[in-house]
Amino acid sequence: MTVTDTGAVPQTGASIADVSIADVYAPYPIVDEPPRWGLEMTTVRTGVRPTVVHHRPGPRPLLFLHGVAGSWTTWTPLLTAAAGIAGRGLVLVDLPGWGSSPAPAVALDVDESSQVLVDVLDALGLDQVDAVGHSMGAFVGLHLAVTRPERVRSLGLVSGTTFATAAAARRPVRALRTLPAFTLLRAGLAVTRGAGHGLLRGLARIGLLPLLAGPVFAAVRRLDPSVLQAFVEEFRPAGFLGAARAAARYDTRRWSEVRCPVVALAGRQDVFARVDDLARLRRVLPDVHTVLLEDCGHFAHVERPDAVVRELLS
């Protein structure tokens, strides 16, 4: 496996960074074991809905924001790879409607999600964090850095859904060519609605879930069983559709206001984003380093956690 560093690459090519031969695909399971990392669970009464947070005190705290089909546990392969991240403070949020946090009557938009995070940081007495977001969480992290720049010291985007996803959400017919997996999944969920979660569970029972989840991961049959189990458990059709609506309404030109350092990582085989999103981020963000991971789909922190740790946390 190689890492293509696209941080300051001329149009003619890209440099290749060395990757340890010990790196293997998806080497760690997803686990629900807060004590392993000294995490305490707290329910924060935000202005929207009660929000479940797993956290521990420590210097230079890290705020982790999950994506669609995720919760705080989705980050546990990365925590394992980082050996607990050397005693740093940790804040892992289950956004309302995801994980253990109760769902609002209407899925949150980006402003509301960002305000939830501010409420969480205030409740924990944290002035500033290094934020790391996956997929939808990367979108929310970017908006937090725009609207509350004093709270975000740095930002990590892991398999972020950015320009291509927002465009696909606005123009689904055109997106059948640019992001077909995202577009077809959205259309299918719009039809099945609440039955979508039951369908996933049914496919899991008869052993066909890898067929559906296959496009999301670069090598679905090499995953630890816990990864697909978590994917089924955490996938919320209403939340996915709400996130797509929020992305469609969002003005991505606002990201030019981000002033903190940003590291953006994407997988070569990601079907919910496009490789050229990284180039567009370099044109928009004033201080960004971009990395393209080979043999990696939409869950870089699960599929390539060691590489993500080296790029984000070393």
Protein backbone atom coordinates (compact mmCIF):
# COMPACT_ATOMS: atom_id res chain seq x y z
CA MET A 1 0.00 0.00 0.00
CA THR A 2 1.29 3.47 -0.85
CA VAL A 3 0.29 6.92 0.25
CA THR A 4 0.17 9.56 -2.44
CA ASP A 5 0.98 12.92 -0.89
CA THR A 6 -0.87 15.57 -2.88
CA GLY A 7 -0.17 18.45 -0.52
CA ALA A 8 1.88 20.64 -2.86
CA VAL A 9 2.05 18.56 -5.99
CA PRO A 10 2.44 20.16 -9.42
CA GLN A 11 -0.02 19.27 -12.12
CA THR A 12 2.49 16.89 -13.72
CA GLY A 13 2.58 14.31 -10.95
CA ALA A 14 2.67 13.35 -7.30
CA SER A 15 5.24 12.28 -4.76
CA ILE A 16 5.04 8.90 -3.02
CA ALA A 17 5.63 8.63 0.72
CA ASP A 18 7.02 5.46 2.29
CA VAL A 19 4.55 3.33 4.23
CA SER A 20 5.56 0.70 6.77
CA ILE A 21 5.34 -2.86 5.50
CA ALA A 22 3.55 -3.63 8.77
CA ASP A 23 0.53 -1.67 7.57
CA VAL A 24 -2.27 -4.05 6.77
CA TYR A 25 -5.79 -3.41 5.62
CA ALA A 26 -8.36 -2.83 8.40
CA PRO A 27 -6.20 -4.40 11.12
CA TYR A 28 -8.30 -3.49 14.17
CA PRO A 29 -11.90 -4.27 15.18
CA ILE A 30 -14.54 -1.77 16.21
CA VAL A 31 -15.16 -2.16 19.94
CA ASP A 32 -17.50 -0.64 22.49
CA GLU A 33 -15.12 -0.52 25.45
CA PRO A 34 -14.85 3.04 26.84
CA PRO A 35 -12.61 2.04 29.81
CA ARG A 36 -9.90 0.90 27.39
CA TRP A 37 -9.16 4.58 26.70
CA GLY A 38 -10.21 5.98 30.05
CA LEU A 39 -13.41 7.42 28.61
CA GLU A 40 -16.37 8.57 30.68
CA MET A 41 -19.84 8.79 29.19
CA THR A 42 -21.80 12.02 29.71
CA THR A 43 -25.14 13.16 28.33
CA VAL A 44 -25.00 16.87 27.51
CA ARG A 45 -28.25 18.84 27.39
CA THR A 46 -27.70 20.83 24.22
CA GLY A 47 -30.06 23.37 22.70
CA VAL A 48 -31.30 20.74 20.25
CA ARG A 49 -31.40 17.30 21.84
CA PRO A 50 -29.52 15.44 24.58
CA THR A 51 -26.16 14.40 23.14
CA VAL A 52 -24.09 11.45 24.35
CA VAL A 53 -20.38 12.15 24.66
CA HIS A 54 -17.48 9.87 25.57
CA HIS A 55 -14.61 11.91 26.90
CA ARG A 56 -11.54 12.09 29.09
CA PRO A 57 -9.58 15.10 30.35
CA GLY A 58 -6.12 15.86 29.09
CA PRO A 59 -3.96 18.39 27.26
CA ARG A 60 -4.61 19.53 23.69
CA PRO A 61 -7.97 17.75 23.42
CA LEU A 62 -9.09 16.02 20.25
CA LEU A 63 -12.72 16.25 19.11
CA PHE A 64 -13.83 13.30 16.94
CA LEU A 65 -16.89 13.66 14.71
CA HIS A 66 -18.33 10.51 13.15
CA GLY A 67 -19.99 10.25 9.77
CA VAL A 68 -23.14 8.62 8.45
CA ALA A 69 -23.34 4.99 9.61
CA GLY A 70 -21.05 5.87 12.49
CA SER A 71 -20.84 6.73 16.17
CA TRP A 72 -18.05 7.21 18.67
CA THR A 73 -17.10 3.53 18.32
CA THR A 74 -16.21 4.00 14.64
CA TRP A 75 -13.07 5.78 15.84
CA THR A 76 -11.83 2.87 17.97
CA PRO A 77 -9.58 1.37 15.25
CA LEU A 78 -7.80 4.73 15.07
CA LEU A 79 -7.56 4.94 18.87
CA THR A 80 -6.03 1.46 18.86
CA ALA A 81 -3.54 2.45 16.17
CA ALA A 82 -2.62 5.57 18.12
CA ALA A 83 -2.19 3.64 21.40
CA GLY A 84 -4.64 5.91 23.16
CA ILE A 85 -3.04 9.06 21.68
CA ALA A 86 -0.49 9.55 24.42
CA GLY A 87 -2.74 10.87 27.16
CA ARG A 88 -4.33 13.69 25.19
CA GLY A 89 -7.83 14.80 26.00
CA LEU A 90 -10.52 13.06 23.97
CA VAL A 91 -14.07 14.08 23.07
CA LEU A 92 -16.07 11.61 20.95
CA VAL A 93 -19.57 12.84 20.17
CA ASP A 94 -22.64 10.89 19.07
CA LEU A 95 -24.46 13.62 17.18
CA PRO A 96 -28.25 13.73 17.76
CA GLY A 97 -29.89 10.88 15.88
CA TRP A 98 -26.72 8.79 15.76
CA GLY A 99 -25.15 6.28 18.12
CA SER A 100 -26.75 6.54 21.55
CA SER A 101 -28.04 10.09 21.12
CA PRO A 102 -31.81 10.37 20.64
CA ALA A 103 -32.98 11.60 17.26
CA PRO A 104 -34.57 15.02 16.79
CA ALA A 105 -37.96 15.26 15.11
CA VAL A 106 -36.21 16.64 12.01
CA ALA A 107 -32.62 15.83 11.08
CA LEU A 108 -30.23 18.62 12.04
CA ASP A 109 -28.75 20.98 9.50
CA VAL A 110 -25.09 21.99 9.55
CA ASP A 111 -25.66 25.07 11.72
CA GLU A 112 -27.55 23.06 14.34
CA SER A 113 -24.95 20.31 14.38
CA SER A 114 -22.18 22.86 14.87
CA GLN A 115 -24.09 24.49 17.73
CA VAL A 116 -24.43 21.08 19.38
CA LEU A 117 -20.64 20.82 19.33
CA VAL A 118 -20.25 24.28 20.86
CA ASP A 119 -22.70 23.28 23.61
CA VAL A 120 -20.70 20.09 24.24
CA LEU A 121 -17.38 21.95 24.44
CA ASP A 122 -18.90 24.53 26.78
CA ALA A 123 -20.31 21.79 29.02
CA LEU A 124 -16.89 20.12 29.21
CA GLY A 125 -15.11 23.42 29.84
CA LEU A 126 -13.02 23.22 26.65
CA ASP A 127 -12.08 26.44 24.89
CA GLN A 128 -10.30 24.96 21.87
CA VAL A 129 -9.85 21.55 20.25
CA ASP A 130 -8.15 19.80 17.37
CA ALA A 131 -11.18 18.54 15.44
CA VAL A 132 -11.16 15.36 13.32
CA GLY A 133 -14.22 14.52 11.23
CA HIS A 134 -15.18 11.58 9.03
CA SER A 135 -17.55 11.90 6.06
CA MET A 136 -20.50 13.99 7.32
CA GLY A 137 -18.41 14.80 10.40
CA ALA A 138 -15.78 16.41 8.16
CA PHE A 139 -18.50 18.61 6.65
CA VAL A 140 -19.64 19.66 10.13
CA GLY A 141 -16.05 20.19 11.25
CA LEU A 142 -15.40 22.55 8.33
CA HIS A 143 -18.50 24.55 9.24
CA LEU A 144 -17.46 24.73 12.88
CA ALA A 145 -14.09 26.11 11.77
CA VAL A 146 -15.93 28.73 9.68
CA THR A 147 -18.46 29.83 12.29
CA ARG A 148 -16.43 29.38 15.50
CA PRO A 149 -12.79 29.68 14.43
CA GLU A 150 -11.65 30.41 17.97
CA ARG A 151 -12.75 26.90 19.03
CA VAL A 152 -10.85 24.94 16.33
CA ARG A 153 -7.05 24.79 16.60
CA SER A 154 -6.65 22.44 13.64
CA LEU A 155 -8.87 20.28 11.48
CA GLY A 156 -8.51 16.76 10.12
CA LEU A 157 -10.81 15.61 7.31
CA VAL A 158 -10.95 11.82 7.02
CA SER A 159 -12.77 10.58 3.90
CA GLY A 160 -14.66 13.85 3.95
CA THR A 161 -17.78 14.35 1.91
CA THR A 162 -17.20 17.82 0.49
CA PHE A 163 -17.63 19.38 -2.96
CA ALA A 164 -18.68 16.37 -5.03
CA THR A 165 -21.21 15.19 -2.46
CA ALA A 166 -22.76 18.64 -2.07
CA ALA A 167 -23.06 18.93 -5.87
CA ALA A 168 -24.54 15.43 -6.13
CA ALA A 169 -27.11 16.25 -3.46
CA ARG A 170 -28.18 19.34 -5.42
CA ARG A 171 -28.26 17.69 -8.87
CA PRO A 172 -29.02 13.98 -8.46
CA VAL A 173 -29.58 13.29 -12.17
CA ARG A 174 -26.17 14.64 -13.12
CA ALA A 175 -24.69 12.83 -10.12
CA LEU A 176 -25.59 9.46 -11.62
CA ARG A 177 -22.42 9.97 -13.64
CA THR A 178 -20.20 11.64 -11.04
CA LEU A 179 -21.19 9.85 -7.80
CA PRO A 180 -23.48 6.97 -8.75
CA ALA A 181 -23.18 5.02 -5.48
CA PHE A 182 -24.19 8.01 -3.36
CA THR A 183 -27.00 8.95 -5.72
CA LEU A 184 -28.49 5.47 -6.01
CA LEU A 185 -28.30 4.90 -2.25
CA ARG A 186 -30.08 8.19 -1.62
CA ALA A 187 -32.78 7.34 -4.16
CA GLY A 188 -33.27 3.88 -2.68
CA LEU A 189 -33.58 5.21 0.86
CA ALA A 190 -36.04 7.87 -0.28
CA VAL A 191 -38.28 5.00 -1.42
CA THR A 192 -37.74 2.52 1.42
CA ARG A 193 -37.47 5.13 4.22
CA GLY A 194 -37.76 3.40 7.59
CA ALA A 195 -37.60 -0.05 6.00
CA GLY A 196 -34.01 0.55 4.95
CA HIS A 197 -32.56 -0.37 8.34
CA GLY A 198 -34.58 -3.58 8.45
CA LEU A 199 -33.38 -4.46 4.96
CA LEU A 200 -29.76 -4.12 6.08
CA ARG A 201 -30.41 -6.36 9.07
CA GLY A 202 -32.08 -8.92 6.83
CA LEU A 203 -29.14 -8.96 4.44
CA ALA A 204 -26.79 -9.41 7.39
CA ARG A 205 -28.78 -12.41 8.66
CA ILE A 206 -28.54 -14.25 5.34
CA GLY A 207 -24.91 -13.35 4.70
CA LEU A 208 -25.47 -10.91 1.83
CA LEU A 209 -24.46 -7.68 3.58
CA PRO A 210 -21.00 -7.63 1.93
CA LEU A 211 -22.72 -7.26 -1.43
CA LEU A 212 -24.39 -4.04 -0.34
CA ALA A 213 -21.54 -2.67 1.79
CA GLY A 214 -18.91 -3.68 -0.77
CA PRO A 215 -18.79 -0.34 -2.63
CA VAL A 216 -18.18 1.55 0.63
CA PHE A 217 -14.95 -0.32 1.47
CA ALA A 218 -11.99 -1.11 -0.76
CA ALA A 219 -11.87 -4.76 0.38
CA VAL A 220 -15.06 -5.63 2.23
CA ARG A 221 -14.22 -9.32 2.72
CA ARG A 222 -10.98 -8.44 4.54
CA LEU A 223 -12.83 -6.50 7.24
CA ASP A 224 -13.14 -7.72 10.81
CA PRO A 225 -16.77 -8.84 11.34
CA SER A 226 -17.22 -6.07 13.91
CA VAL A 227 -16.93 -3.44 11.17
CA LEU A 228 -19.93 -4.67 9.19
CA GLN A 229 -21.87 -5.30 12.41
CA ALA A 230 -21.32 -1.66 13.39
CA PHE A 231 -22.21 -0.51 9.87
CA VAL A 232 -25.58 -2.24 10.14
CA GLU A 233 -26.23 -1.00 13.67
CA GLU A 234 -25.29 2.62 13.04
CA PHE A 235 -26.82 3.18 9.61
CA ARG A 236 -29.86 5.47 9.95
CA PRO A 237 -31.78 6.15 6.72
CA ALA A 238 -33.48 9.29 8.07
CA GLY A 239 -30.12 10.67 9.15
CA PHE A 240 -28.54 9.92 5.76
CA LEU A 241 -31.35 11.68 3.90
CA GLY A 242 -31.21 14.63 6.29
CA ALA A 243 -27.45 14.97 5.82
CA ALA A 244 -27.92 14.92 2.03
CA ARG A 245 -30.54 17.68 2.25
CA ALA A 246 -28.24 19.78 4.42
CA ALA A 247 -25.35 19.31 1.98
CA ALA A 248 -27.55 20.35 -0.94
CA ARG A 249 -28.38 23.65 0.76
CA TYR A 250 -24.84 24.45 1.87
CA ASP A 251 -22.69 27.13 0.23
CA THR A 252 -19.27 25.48 0.03
CA ARG A 253 -17.68 28.85 -0.81
CA ARG A 254 -17.79 29.53 2.93
CA TRP A 255 -14.89 27.10 3.42
CA SER A 256 -12.51 29.75 2.10
CA GLU A 257 -12.96 31.41 5.51
CA VAL A 258 -11.22 28.53 7.33
CA ARG A 259 -7.93 29.78 8.76
CA CYS A 260 -6.70 26.88 10.89
CA PRO A 261 -4.30 24.23 9.52
CA VAL A 262 -6.15 21.39 7.74
CA VAL A 263 -5.10 17.86 6.81
CA ALA A 264 -7.46 16.11 4.37
CA LEU A 265 -7.17 12.37 3.69
CA ALA A 266 -9.16 10.42 1.13
CA GLY A 267 -9.19 6.87 -0.22
CA ARG A 268 -8.55 6.18 -3.87
CA GLN A 269 -11.62 3.87 -4.00
CA ASP A 270 -14.01 6.17 -2.12
CA VAL A 271 -17.41 6.06 -3.86
CA PHE A 272 -18.91 8.89 -1.77
CA ALA A 273 -16.27 11.44 -2.76
CA ARG A 274 -14.02 12.17 -5.72
CA VAL A 275 -10.24 12.33 -5.85
CA ASP A 276 -10.43 15.82 -7.36
CA ASP A 277 -12.12 17.03 -4.14
CA LEU A 278 -8.60 17.16 -2.70
CA ALA A 279 -7.44 19.50 -5.47
CA ARG A 280 -10.44 21.73 -4.89
CA LEU A 281 -9.70 21.86 -1.17
CA ARG A 282 -6.16 23.00 -1.99
CA ARG A 283 -7.56 25.83 -4.07
CA VAL A 284 -9.99 26.95 -1.35
CA LEU A 285 -8.24 26.40 1.98
CA PRO A 286 -5.23 28.61 2.72
CA ASP A 287 -3.37 26.06 4.89
CA VAL A 288 -4.09 22.49 3.82
CA HIS A 289 -2.14 19.28 3.36
CA THR A 290 -3.88 16.56 1.32
CA VAL A 291 -3.15 12.84 1.25
CA LEU A 292 -4.57 10.18 -1.06
CA LEU A 293 -4.56 6.66 0.39
CA GLU A 294 -4.31 3.70 -1.97
CA ASP A 295 -6.38 0.55 -1.38
CA CYS A 296 -8.86 2.53 0.71
CA GLY A 297 -12.56 3.30 0.42
CA HIS A 298 -14.80 5.65 2.42
CA PHE A 299 -13.68 4.65 5.94
CA ALA A 300 -9.99 5.58 5.97
CA HIS A 301 -9.77 5.54 9.78
CA VAL A 302 -11.03 1.92 9.76
CA GLU A 303 -9.35 0.69 6.58
CA ARG A 304 -6.01 2.52 6.96
CA PRO A 305 -5.85 3.63 10.62
CA ASP A 306 -2.05 3.47 10.91
CA ALA A 307 -1.57 5.79 7.94
CA VAL A 308 -4.25 8.17 9.22
CA VAL A 309 -2.57 8.32 12.63
CA ARG A 310 0.80 9.14 11.06
CA GLU A 311 -0.65 11.92 8.91
CA LEU A 312 -2.94 13.45 11.53
CA LEU A 313 -1.54 12.72 14.96
CA SER A 314 2.21 12.15 14.72
